[in-house]
Amino acid sequence: MIPAETERQAELETLWSRYVPCFELLSDSGPDAFFVLEAGLFKFVRFNHRAMRAFWLASFIAWEGYERLSAVANDEAPDFGRFNAMVDAFLTMLEADDPTAVPMPAGLPEPGIYPDGALDREVRAAAELATFATGWALLHELRHIQHQQEGTGAPQGADTPTLSHLIGS
């Protein structure tokens, strides 16, 4: 059941009852370990911690990049040291056997921890941005399931999206 305060509750409940998605958390090691976020077999949304951690950290990187570019726009000399350290941590996390063992860069909370916005607006904003991005990605995969179940998905071997939809019609 979708919480009552959800903005598009009725639409989400309809999606859930019609397509009956099954979310499957996979291991961060093994044949599919690198980055798993996919839909398949008409009902499964498969993902791993690495993918969720990547969305979290990438959102903070995007926020930091925006801050550095704001400095440039204000004719200030930007310091990309923190940005570069965040990108390095992101790349290290993607390659690590255990992505949760790679510490978040200084000043960043672990995924799912939302600081008080009154105390740190920017970190709170980036955390919420991460939640929106992850939610969008999971709903995107649900859309694949919708296309699979309705027979409107791209057939294998189609070269372009336009051709895929023409062949699938």
Protein backbone atom coordinates (compact mmCIF):
# COMPACT_ATOMS: atom_id res chain seq x y z
CA MET A 1 0.00 0.00 0.00
CA ILE A 2 1.22 3.48 -0.90
CA PRO A 3 1.33 5.95 2.04
CA ALA A 4 -1.67 8.32 2.10
CA GLU A 5 0.47 11.44 1.84
CA THR A 6 1.93 10.45 -1.54
CA GLU A 7 1.23 13.12 -4.15
CA ARG A 8 0.08 10.70 -6.88
CA GLN A 9 -1.21 7.95 -4.62
CA ALA A 10 -4.11 6.78 -6.81
CA GLU A 11 -1.92 6.56 -9.91
CA LEU A 12 0.78 4.60 -8.09
CA GLU A 13 -1.74 2.22 -6.52
CA THR A 14 -3.20 1.55 -9.97
CA LEU A 15 0.27 0.84 -11.37
CA TRP A 16 1.07 -1.52 -8.50
CA SER A 17 -2.19 -3.45 -8.70
CA ARG A 18 -2.15 -3.72 -12.51
CA TYR A 19 1.51 -4.65 -13.08
CA VAL A 20 2.36 -6.28 -9.71
CA PRO A 21 6.06 -5.37 -9.75
CA CYS A 22 8.49 -7.36 -7.67
CA PHE A 23 11.59 -5.52 -6.47
CA GLU A 24 14.60 -7.79 -6.18
CA LEU A 25 17.71 -6.72 -4.26
CA LEU A 26 20.75 -8.49 -5.70
CA SER A 27 24.22 -8.99 -4.33
CA ASP A 28 27.01 -6.53 -5.01
CA SER A 29 29.25 -9.46 -5.99
CA GLY A 30 28.83 -12.12 -8.63
CA PRO A 31 28.11 -12.04 -12.36
CA ASP A 32 25.73 -9.04 -12.24
CA ALA A 33 27.61 -7.19 -9.53
CA PHE A 34 28.90 -3.99 -11.09
CA PHE A 35 25.76 -1.87 -11.25
CA VAL A 36 22.36 -3.48 -11.38
CA LEU A 37 19.22 -1.51 -12.14
CA GLU A 38 17.00 -3.22 -14.68
CA ALA A 39 13.55 -4.59 -15.38
CA GLY A 40 12.77 -7.95 -16.82
CA LEU A 41 10.62 -11.04 -17.04
CA PHE A 42 7.48 -8.88 -17.08
CA LYS A 43 7.54 -8.11 -13.35
CA PHE A 44 11.00 -7.84 -11.78
CA VAL A 45 12.85 -4.62 -10.99
CA ARG A 46 16.33 -5.78 -10.08
CA PHE A 47 18.87 -3.57 -8.34
CA ASN A 48 21.81 -3.76 -5.96
CA HIS A 49 23.20 -1.60 -3.15
CA ARG A 50 25.94 -0.35 -5.49
CA ALA A 51 23.34 1.21 -7.79
CA MET A 52 21.48 2.86 -4.90
CA ARG A 53 24.73 4.13 -3.39
CA ALA A 54 25.80 5.44 -6.80
CA PHE A 55 22.59 7.48 -7.17
CA TRP A 56 23.08 8.90 -3.68
CA LEU A 57 26.69 9.91 -4.20
CA ALA A 58 26.14 11.15 -7.78
CA SER A 59 23.45 13.52 -6.53
CA PHE A 60 25.87 15.05 -4.03
CA ILE A 61 28.48 15.30 -6.79
CA ALA A 62 25.98 17.11 -9.01
CA TRP A 63 25.14 19.51 -6.18
CA GLU A 64 28.84 20.17 -5.52
CA GLY A 65 29.45 20.74 -9.24
CA TYR A 66 26.61 23.22 -9.32
CA GLU A 67 28.12 25.04 -6.35
CA ARG A 68 31.53 25.24 -8.04
CA LEU A 69 29.97 26.56 -11.27
CA SER A 70 28.05 29.14 -9.24
CA ALA A 71 31.39 30.41 -7.98
CA VAL A 72 32.58 30.78 -11.58
CA ALA A 73 29.39 32.66 -12.48
CA ASN A 74 30.09 35.05 -9.60
CA ASP A 75 33.65 35.65 -10.85
CA GLU A 76 35.10 33.73 -7.92
CA ALA A 77 37.98 31.29 -8.28
CA PRO A 78 36.38 27.87 -7.80
CA ASP A 79 38.04 25.19 -5.73
CA PHE A 80 37.33 21.81 -7.30
CA GLY A 81 39.21 19.86 -4.61
CA ARG A 82 36.10 18.62 -2.83
CA PHE A 83 34.36 17.90 -6.14
CA ASN A 84 37.33 15.85 -7.34
CA ALA A 85 37.50 13.95 -4.04
CA MET A 86 33.81 13.10 -4.38
CA VAL A 87 34.28 11.85 -7.94
CA ASP A 88 37.24 9.76 -6.80
CA ALA A 89 35.14 8.23 -4.01
CA PHE A 90 32.38 7.50 -6.54
CA LEU A 91 34.77 5.69 -8.90
CA THR A 92 36.33 3.77 -6.02
CA MET A 93 32.89 2.73 -4.78
CA LEU A 94 31.90 1.46 -8.23
CA GLU A 95 34.96 -0.79 -8.39
CA ALA A 96 35.02 -1.98 -4.76
CA ASP A 97 34.13 -5.56 -3.86
CA ASP A 98 31.96 -4.12 -1.10
CA PRO A 99 30.68 -0.66 -2.08
CA THR A 100 29.36 -0.02 1.42
CA ALA A 101 32.91 -0.35 2.78
CA VAL A 102 33.99 2.75 0.83
CA PRO A 103 33.37 5.67 3.17
CA MET A 104 31.37 8.64 2.03
CA PRO A 105 33.48 11.75 1.48
CA ALA A 106 33.80 14.06 4.49
CA GLY A 107 30.58 15.88 5.28
CA LEU A 108 28.28 13.54 3.36
CA PRO A 109 25.76 11.35 5.15
CA GLU A 110 25.30 7.68 4.42
CA PRO A 111 22.45 6.92 2.00
CA GLY A 112 19.05 7.49 3.52
CA ILE A 113 20.22 9.82 6.28
CA TYR A 114 18.64 13.25 5.94
CA PRO A 115 20.25 16.02 7.97
CA ASP A 116 18.12 18.73 9.51
CA GLY A 117 17.52 21.29 6.78
CA ALA A 118 17.70 24.12 9.30
CA LEU A 119 21.26 23.09 10.17
CA ASP A 120 22.56 22.22 6.70
CA ARG A 121 20.28 23.21 3.83
CA GLU A 122 22.67 22.21 1.07
CA VAL A 123 23.31 18.68 2.35
CA ARG A 124 19.59 18.22 2.94
CA ALA A 125 18.81 19.46 -0.59
CA ALA A 126 21.33 17.05 -2.13
CA ALA A 127 19.91 14.17 -0.06
CA GLU A 128 16.42 14.93 -1.29
CA LEU A 129 17.71 15.25 -4.86
CA ALA A 130 19.20 11.76 -4.48
CA THR A 131 15.82 10.42 -3.37
CA PHE A 132 14.06 11.99 -6.35
CA ALA A 133 16.66 10.64 -8.77
CA THR A 134 16.48 7.13 -7.34
CA GLY A 135 12.70 7.17 -7.32
CA TRP A 136 12.65 8.32 -10.93
CA ALA A 137 15.03 5.51 -11.94
CA LEU A 138 12.95 2.84 -10.19
CA LEU A 139 9.74 4.16 -11.79
CA HIS A 140 11.53 4.19 -15.14
CA GLU A 141 12.18 0.47 -14.72
CA LEU A 142 8.53 -0.02 -13.80
CA ARG A 143 7.67 1.59 -17.14
CA HIS A 144 9.73 -1.12 -18.85
CA ILE A 145 7.60 -3.72 -17.07
CA GLN A 146 4.49 -1.91 -18.26
CA HIS A 147 5.73 -2.05 -21.88
CA GLN A 148 6.67 -5.72 -21.50
CA GLN A 149 3.25 -6.68 -20.16
CA GLU A 150 1.36 -4.60 -22.74
CA GLY A 151 3.48 -5.84 -25.65
CA THR A 152 4.67 -2.35 -26.53
CA GLY A 153 8.31 -2.88 -25.62
CA ALA A 154 11.09 -2.74 -28.19
CA PRO A 155 11.63 -6.10 -29.85
CA GLN A 156 15.13 -7.52 -29.87
CA GLY A 157 17.12 -6.46 -32.91
CA ALA A 158 15.34 -3.15 -33.49
CA ASP A 159 17.92 -0.54 -34.44
CA THR A 160 16.23 2.66 -33.30
CA PRO A 161 13.53 3.62 -30.83
CA THR A 162 11.24 4.70 -33.70
CA LEU A 163 11.73 1.40 -35.51
CA SER A 164 11.27 -0.48 -32.24
CA HIS A 165 7.85 1.04 -31.66
CA LEU A 166 6.79 0.57 -35.29
CA ILE A 167 7.78 -3.11 -35.22
CA GLY A 168 6.17 -3.56 -31.81
CA SER A 169 2.83 -2.07 -32.93
